[in-house]
Structures are given as C-alpha cells and as structure tokens.
Amino acid sequence: MYLNESISRIKVQFTVEDVGNAKCELIRFLAPRTIDALLRIMPLNGITALSQDMVYFKAPINIGVEKPKTQVDPGTVAYWPMGSAVCIFLNATKPYSPINVIGKINDNLPIFQKINSGKRIKLEKV
C-alpha cells in the first residue's frame, strides 16, 4: 500500500524576517517521529543562528536520533537532536553530530545565504 502524497510529503514554508520565503517539503518516512513532533507545534517561530554550513534555530521538542545521517547535501532540512534545533544546510557537509533529515528546500535556497544571526524565522504548513 502506498501512502497518500499529502500524508507522506508535507508542504511547509520558512519565512525569514526582512529576507524572504522558501518552500520546503517534509518527507515523513525520513524521520516520522521527528516530523510528527514538529507538525504538532507549528507554526514554529525562532531566532536564526549561523554555523559554517548551516542556518539553524531552536525547536522546543525533545526527540533523539532517528535514522541518523552524517552527510548532507545543499538544501537538506534536518532536526539536530544535540542542539534541539531545525537546520537548513547550505552546502554539502558533515554535521557536527548525527542529524535527523526531515526534508529538502524546494526553492529559494539562496535566501539562507543572506541571513544574519538574530533574524526572526517561522516554519509553517502551507
């Protein structure tokens, strides 16, 4: 039996203060417990922080490692259990510690390269 696309793939959007929007698709089979926890608290608001290859913001959930990955591609969206944060990766990289990949940015990844620390960010279903 195949999952209905609307159940297995959830369309969401990141909105960054004074910068713009980017559409993303959460893919449930990648980390179902993590995605369910995030969906329950959406819309999720945070303040951006920067690391070498990613933009991230705190998420008030406590989920452990789920189908962990240690290598990501540009545009990967993940939950970082060690930092309790949602991360958007800008480049192919190896994260500091294992992450739960939850989806991919579908368009407008370049907005994340324009972000400074301290910007308001919102993640919501569309």
N, C-alpha and C. Protein backbone atom coordinates (compact mmCIF):
# COMPACT_ATOMS: atom_id res chain seq x y z
N MET A 1 0.84 -1.19 0.00
CA MET A 1 0.00 0.00 0.00
C MET A 1 0.89 1.25 0.00
N TYR A 2 0.58 2.19 -0.86
CA TYR A 2 1.34 3.43 -0.95
C TYR A 2 0.66 4.51 -0.12
N LEU A 3 1.50 5.32 0.53
CA LEU A 3 0.94 6.43 1.30
C LEU A 3 0.46 7.52 0.37
N ASN A 4 -0.63 8.13 0.73
CA ASN A 4 -1.12 9.28 0.01
C ASN A 4 -0.06 10.37 0.05
N GLU A 5 0.15 11.06 -1.07
CA GLU A 5 1.21 12.07 -1.13
C GLU A 5 1.04 13.13 -0.05
N SER A 6 -0.19 13.53 0.25
CA SER A 6 -0.40 14.58 1.25
C SER A 6 -0.06 14.09 2.66
N ILE A 7 -0.06 12.79 2.87
CA ILE A 7 0.30 12.24 4.17
C ILE A 7 1.80 12.03 4.27
N SER A 8 2.42 11.56 3.20
CA SER A 8 3.85 11.24 3.26
C SER A 8 4.75 12.43 2.97
N ARG A 9 4.22 13.43 2.28
CA ARG A 9 5.00 14.63 1.95
C ARG A 9 4.19 15.85 2.35
N ILE A 10 4.76 16.64 3.25
CA ILE A 10 4.05 17.79 3.80
C ILE A 10 4.73 19.06 3.33
N LYS A 11 3.95 19.93 2.70
CA LYS A 11 4.49 21.20 2.21
C LYS A 11 4.52 22.22 3.35
N VAL A 12 5.69 22.81 3.53
CA VAL A 12 5.87 23.83 4.57
C VAL A 12 6.64 25.00 3.96
N GLN A 13 6.69 26.08 4.71
CA GLN A 13 7.40 27.27 4.24
C GLN A 13 8.18 27.89 5.39
N PHE A 14 9.40 28.30 5.08
CA PHE A 14 10.20 29.11 6.00
C PHE A 14 10.00 30.56 5.61
N THR A 15 9.75 31.43 6.57
CA THR A 15 9.67 32.87 6.35
C THR A 15 10.72 33.51 7.24
N VAL A 16 11.62 34.28 6.61
CA VAL A 16 12.70 34.93 7.35
C VAL A 16 12.49 36.43 7.30
N GLU A 17 12.45 37.05 8.47
CA GLU A 17 12.24 38.48 8.62
C GLU A 17 13.18 39.28 7.72
N ASP A 18 12.60 40.19 6.92
CA ASP A 18 13.35 41.10 6.05
C ASP A 18 14.19 40.41 4.98
N VAL A 19 13.98 39.11 4.77
CA VAL A 19 14.78 38.38 3.78
C VAL A 19 13.90 37.71 2.73
N GLY A 20 12.90 36.93 3.16
CA GLY A 20 12.02 36.28 2.19
C GLY A 20 11.53 34.92 2.65
N ASN A 21 10.96 34.17 1.69
CA ASN A 21 10.36 32.87 1.95
C ASN A 21 11.07 31.79 1.15
N ALA A 22 10.99 30.57 1.66
CA ALA A 22 11.49 29.40 0.93
C ALA A 22 10.55 28.24 1.20
N LYS A 23 10.16 27.55 0.14
CA LYS A 23 9.28 26.40 0.28
C LYS A 23 10.12 25.15 0.54
N CYS A 24 9.51 24.26 1.31
CA CYS A 24 10.20 23.03 1.72
C CYS A 24 9.18 21.90 1.71
N GLU A 25 9.67 20.71 1.52
CA GLU A 25 8.82 19.53 1.62
C GLU A 25 9.38 18.63 2.72
N LEU A 26 8.56 18.36 3.72
CA LEU A 26 8.93 17.40 4.75
C LEU A 26 8.54 16.02 4.25
N ILE A 27 9.43 15.06 4.36
CA ILE A 27 9.21 13.72 3.83
C ILE A 27 9.14 12.76 5.02
N ARG A 28 7.91 12.37 5.33
CA ARG A 28 7.63 11.66 6.58
C ARG A 28 8.48 10.41 6.80
N PHE A 29 8.73 9.62 5.78
CA PHE A 29 9.46 8.36 6.00
C PHE A 29 10.91 8.58 6.42
N LEU A 30 11.45 9.78 6.20
CA LEU A 30 12.83 10.05 6.59
C LEU A 30 13.02 10.06 8.11
N ALA A 31 12.04 10.58 8.83
CA ALA A 31 12.10 10.66 10.30
C ALA A 31 10.69 10.92 10.82
N PRO A 32 9.82 9.91 10.81
CA PRO A 32 8.40 10.13 11.13
C PRO A 32 8.13 10.70 12.52
N ARG A 33 8.82 10.24 13.55
CA ARG A 33 8.58 10.76 14.91
C ARG A 33 8.98 12.23 15.00
N THR A 34 10.10 12.57 14.38
CA THR A 34 10.58 13.95 14.42
C THR A 34 9.60 14.87 13.69
N ILE A 35 9.17 14.46 12.51
CA ILE A 35 8.24 15.29 11.73
C ILE A 35 6.92 15.44 12.47
N ASP A 36 6.39 14.37 13.04
CA ASP A 36 5.13 14.48 13.79
C ASP A 36 5.26 15.46 14.95
N ALA A 37 6.38 15.41 15.66
CA ALA A 37 6.59 16.33 16.79
C ALA A 37 6.63 17.78 16.31
N LEU A 38 7.30 18.03 15.19
CA LEU A 38 7.37 19.39 14.65
C LEU A 38 6.00 19.87 14.16
N LEU A 39 5.25 18.99 13.49
CA LEU A 39 3.93 19.38 12.99
C LEU A 39 2.99 19.77 14.13
N ARG A 40 3.12 19.09 15.26
CA ARG A 40 2.24 19.39 16.40
C ARG A 40 2.48 20.78 16.97
N ILE A 41 3.67 21.34 16.79
CA ILE A 41 3.96 22.66 17.37
C ILE A 41 3.99 23.78 16.33
N MET A 42 3.67 23.46 15.07
CA MET A 42 3.66 24.51 14.04
C MET A 42 2.46 25.40 14.21
N PRO A 43 2.59 26.69 13.89
CA PRO A 43 3.79 27.33 13.34
C PRO A 43 4.87 27.44 14.41
N LEU A 44 6.09 27.24 13.97
CA LEU A 44 7.26 27.28 14.85
C LEU A 44 8.03 28.57 14.58
N ASN A 45 8.21 29.36 15.61
CA ASN A 45 8.94 30.63 15.49
C ASN A 45 10.27 30.51 16.21
N GLY A 46 11.29 31.15 15.64
CA GLY A 46 12.60 31.11 16.27
C GLY A 46 13.46 32.28 15.85
N ILE A 47 14.69 32.26 16.33
CA ILE A 47 15.69 33.27 16.01
C ILE A 47 16.86 32.54 15.35
N THR A 48 17.29 33.02 14.20
CA THR A 48 18.34 32.34 13.45
C THR A 48 19.70 32.44 14.13
N ALA A 49 20.46 31.39 13.92
CA ALA A 49 21.87 31.36 14.30
C ALA A 49 22.61 30.77 13.10
N LEU A 50 23.87 31.10 12.98
CA LEU A 50 24.66 30.64 11.83
C LEU A 50 25.81 29.77 12.29
N SER A 51 26.08 28.79 11.48
CA SER A 51 27.27 27.98 11.64
C SER A 51 27.93 27.98 10.26
N GLN A 52 29.05 27.33 10.13
CA GLN A 52 29.80 27.40 8.88
C GLN A 52 28.96 27.05 7.65
N ASP A 53 28.22 25.95 7.71
CA ASP A 53 27.49 25.48 6.54
C ASP A 53 25.98 25.40 6.76
N MET A 54 25.47 26.04 7.81
CA MET A 54 24.04 25.92 8.07
C MET A 54 23.49 27.13 8.79
N VAL A 55 22.16 27.28 8.62
CA VAL A 55 21.36 28.22 9.40
C VAL A 55 20.50 27.34 10.30
N TYR A 56 20.37 27.71 11.56
CA TYR A 56 19.56 26.89 12.45
C TYR A 56 18.82 27.76 13.46
N PHE A 57 17.79 27.16 14.06
CA PHE A 57 17.04 27.83 15.13
C PHE A 57 16.47 26.77 16.06
N LYS A 58 16.30 27.15 17.31
CA LYS A 58 15.84 26.22 18.34
C LYS A 58 14.41 25.76 18.06
N ALA A 59 14.16 24.49 18.40
CA ALA A 59 12.82 23.90 18.28
C ALA A 59 12.49 23.27 19.63
N PRO A 60 11.36 23.63 20.24
CA PRO A 60 11.04 23.15 21.58
C PRO A 60 10.48 21.72 21.58
N ILE A 61 11.25 20.80 21.03
CA ILE A 61 10.89 19.38 21.08
C ILE A 61 12.11 18.63 21.60
N ASN A 62 11.86 17.44 22.13
CA ASN A 62 12.95 16.63 22.64
C ASN A 62 12.86 15.26 21.98
N ILE A 63 13.47 15.14 20.83
CA ILE A 63 13.47 13.89 20.06
C ILE A 63 14.92 13.45 19.93
N GLY A 64 15.15 12.19 20.13
CA GLY A 64 16.50 11.65 19.97
C GLY A 64 16.83 11.41 18.51
N VAL A 65 17.92 10.74 18.30
CA VAL A 65 18.37 10.43 16.94
C VAL A 65 17.40 9.44 16.31
N GLU A 66 17.00 9.73 15.07
CA GLU A 66 16.06 8.89 14.32
C GLU A 66 16.58 8.75 12.89
N LYS A 67 16.96 7.55 12.50
CA LYS A 67 17.53 7.31 11.17
C LYS A 67 18.65 8.32 10.90
N PRO A 68 19.66 8.36 11.76
CA PRO A 68 20.68 9.42 11.70
C PRO A 68 21.49 9.44 10.41
N LYS A 69 21.86 10.64 10.02
CA LYS A 69 22.71 10.87 8.85
C LYS A 69 23.94 11.64 9.31
N THR A 70 25.05 11.38 8.63
CA THR A 70 26.29 12.08 8.96
C THR A 70 26.86 12.83 7.77
N GLN A 71 26.09 12.88 6.68
CA GLN A 71 26.49 13.63 5.47
C GLN A 71 25.22 14.22 4.87
N VAL A 72 25.27 15.48 4.44
CA VAL A 72 24.09 16.12 3.85
C VAL A 72 24.46 16.86 2.57
N ASP A 73 23.44 17.13 1.77
CA ASP A 73 23.57 17.90 0.54
C ASP A 73 23.02 19.30 0.76
N PRO A 74 23.34 20.25 -0.13
CA PRO A 74 22.76 21.59 -0.02
C PRO A 74 21.24 21.52 -0.06
N GLY A 75 20.58 22.30 0.78
CA GLY A 75 19.13 22.34 0.81
C GLY A 75 18.50 21.32 1.75
N THR A 76 19.31 20.47 2.35
CA THR A 76 18.77 19.50 3.31
C THR A 76 18.24 20.23 4.54
N VAL A 77 17.06 19.81 4.99
CA VAL A 77 16.47 20.33 6.22
C VAL A 77 16.50 19.18 7.22
N ALA A 78 16.94 19.47 8.43
CA ALA A 78 17.11 18.41 9.43
C ALA A 78 16.81 18.93 10.82
N TYR A 79 16.57 17.98 11.72
CA TYR A 79 16.49 18.28 13.15
C TYR A 79 17.80 17.79 13.77
N TRP A 80 18.41 18.63 14.58
CA TRP A 80 19.68 18.32 15.22
C TRP A 80 19.40 18.01 16.69
N PRO A 81 19.34 16.72 17.06
CA PRO A 81 19.00 16.37 18.44
C PRO A 81 19.94 16.97 19.48
N MET A 82 21.23 17.01 19.20
CA MET A 82 22.20 17.52 20.18
C MET A 82 21.96 19.00 20.49
N GLY A 83 21.51 19.76 19.49
CA GLY A 83 21.26 21.18 19.68
C GLY A 83 19.80 21.55 19.80
N SER A 84 18.89 20.56 19.73
CA SER A 84 17.44 20.81 19.74
C SER A 84 17.09 21.92 18.76
N ALA A 85 17.50 21.74 17.51
CA ALA A 85 17.33 22.80 16.52
C ALA A 85 16.94 22.24 15.16
N VAL A 86 16.22 23.07 14.39
CA VAL A 86 15.96 22.80 12.98
C VAL A 86 17.09 23.45 12.20
N CYS A 87 17.66 22.71 11.25
CA CYS A 87 18.82 23.19 10.49
C CYS A 87 18.52 23.18 9.00
N ILE A 88 19.02 24.19 8.30
CA ILE A 88 18.97 24.26 6.84
C ILE A 88 20.43 24.29 6.39
N PHE A 89 20.83 23.27 5.65
CA PHE A 89 22.22 23.17 5.22
C PHE A 89 22.43 23.87 3.89
N LEU A 90 23.47 24.69 3.82
CA LEU A 90 23.76 25.50 2.64
C LEU A 90 24.71 24.80 1.67
N ASN A 91 25.49 23.88 2.17
CA ASN A 91 26.50 23.18 1.36
C ASN A 91 26.50 21.71 1.72
N ALA A 92 27.11 20.90 0.85
CA ALA A 92 27.35 19.50 1.20
C ALA A 92 28.36 19.51 2.34
N THR A 93 28.03 18.81 3.40
CA THR A 93 28.90 18.85 4.58
C THR A 93 28.65 17.65 5.48
N LYS A 94 29.51 17.50 6.46
CA LYS A 94 29.33 16.52 7.53
C LYS A 94 28.98 17.31 8.79
N PRO A 95 27.75 17.16 9.30
CA PRO A 95 27.35 17.88 10.51
C PRO A 95 28.23 17.50 11.71
N TYR A 96 28.21 18.35 12.74
CA TYR A 96 29.00 18.13 13.96
C TYR A 96 28.65 16.81 14.64
N SER A 97 27.39 16.45 14.61
CA SER A 97 26.92 15.21 15.21
C SER A 97 25.75 14.71 14.36
N PRO A 98 25.31 13.46 14.55
CA PRO A 98 24.23 12.92 13.72
C PRO A 98 22.97 13.78 13.78
N ILE A 99 22.30 13.84 12.64
CA ILE A 99 21.08 14.63 12.50
C ILE A 99 19.96 13.75 11.96
N ASN A 100 18.72 14.20 12.16
CA ASN A 100 17.54 13.55 11.60
C ASN A 100 17.12 14.35 10.37
N VAL A 101 17.39 13.84 9.19
CA VAL A 101 16.96 14.53 7.97
C VAL A 101 15.44 14.46 7.91
N ILE A 102 14.81 15.63 7.66
CA ILE A 102 13.34 15.67 7.62
C ILE A 102 12.80 16.15 6.28
N GLY A 103 13.62 16.76 5.44
CA GLY A 103 13.11 17.25 4.17
C GLY A 103 14.16 17.98 3.36
N LYS A 104 13.64 18.74 2.39
CA LYS A 104 14.51 19.43 1.43
C LYS A 104 13.86 20.75 1.03
N ILE A 105 14.69 21.79 0.90
CA ILE A 105 14.21 23.07 0.38
C ILE A 105 13.92 22.88 -1.11
N ASN A 106 12.71 23.27 -1.54
CA ASN A 106 12.31 23.11 -2.95
C ASN A 106 12.66 24.31 -3.81
N ASP A 107 12.67 25.48 -3.22
CA ASP A 107 13.00 26.68 -3.99
C ASP A 107 13.56 27.74 -3.05
N ASN A 108 14.32 28.63 -3.61
CA ASN A 108 14.81 29.82 -2.92
C ASN A 108 15.82 29.52 -1.80
N LEU A 109 16.62 28.49 -1.97
CA LEU A 109 17.69 28.22 -1.00
C LEU A 109 18.61 29.42 -0.82
N PRO A 110 18.88 30.23 -1.86
CA PRO A 110 19.80 31.37 -1.68
C PRO A 110 19.39 32.36 -0.59
N ILE A 111 18.12 32.42 -0.20
CA ILE A 111 17.77 33.37 0.87
C ILE A 111 18.52 33.05 2.16
N PHE A 112 18.83 31.79 2.37
CA PHE A 112 19.50 31.41 3.61
C PHE A 112 20.96 31.86 3.64
N GLN A 113 21.52 32.15 2.48
CA GLN A 113 22.89 32.67 2.42
C GLN A 113 22.92 34.16 2.76
N LYS A 114 21.76 34.81 2.77
CA LYS A 114 21.67 36.25 3.07
C LYS A 114 21.33 36.52 4.54
N ILE A 115 21.12 35.46 5.30
CA ILE A 115 20.65 35.61 6.67
C ILE A 115 21.80 35.94 7.62
N ASN A 116 21.52 36.85 8.54
CA ASN A 116 22.42 37.13 9.65
C ASN A 116 21.85 36.47 10.90
N SER A 117 22.69 36.25 11.88
CA SER A 117 22.19 35.74 13.17
C SER A 117 21.21 36.75 13.76
N GLY A 118 20.22 36.24 14.46
CA GLY A 118 19.28 37.11 15.15
C GLY A 118 18.04 37.48 14.36
N LYS A 119 17.87 36.95 13.16
CA LYS A 119 16.65 37.22 12.38
C LYS A 119 15.52 36.31 12.87
N ARG A 120 14.31 36.84 12.84
CA ARG A 120 13.15 36.01 13.16
C ARG A 120 12.86 35.08 11.99
N ILE A 121 12.54 33.83 12.32
CA ILE A 121 12.22 32.84 11.31
C ILE A 121 10.98 32.08 11.75
N LYS A 122 10.14 31.74 10.77
CA LYS A 122 8.92 30.99 11.06
C LYS A 122 8.87 29.79 10.12
N LEU A 123 8.48 28.64 10.66
CA LEU A 123 8.24 27.43 9.87
C LEU A 123 6.77 27.09 10.05
N GLU A 124 6.05 27.00 8.91
CA GLU A 124 4.61 26.73 8.98
C GLU A 124 4.16 25.89 7.80
N LYS A 125 3.04 25.18 7.99
CA LYS A 125 2.44 24.42 6.90
C LYS A 125 1.81 25.38 5.90
N VAL A 126 1.82 24.98 4.62
CA VAL A 126 1.17 25.80 3.59
C VAL A 126 0.10 24.99 2.89
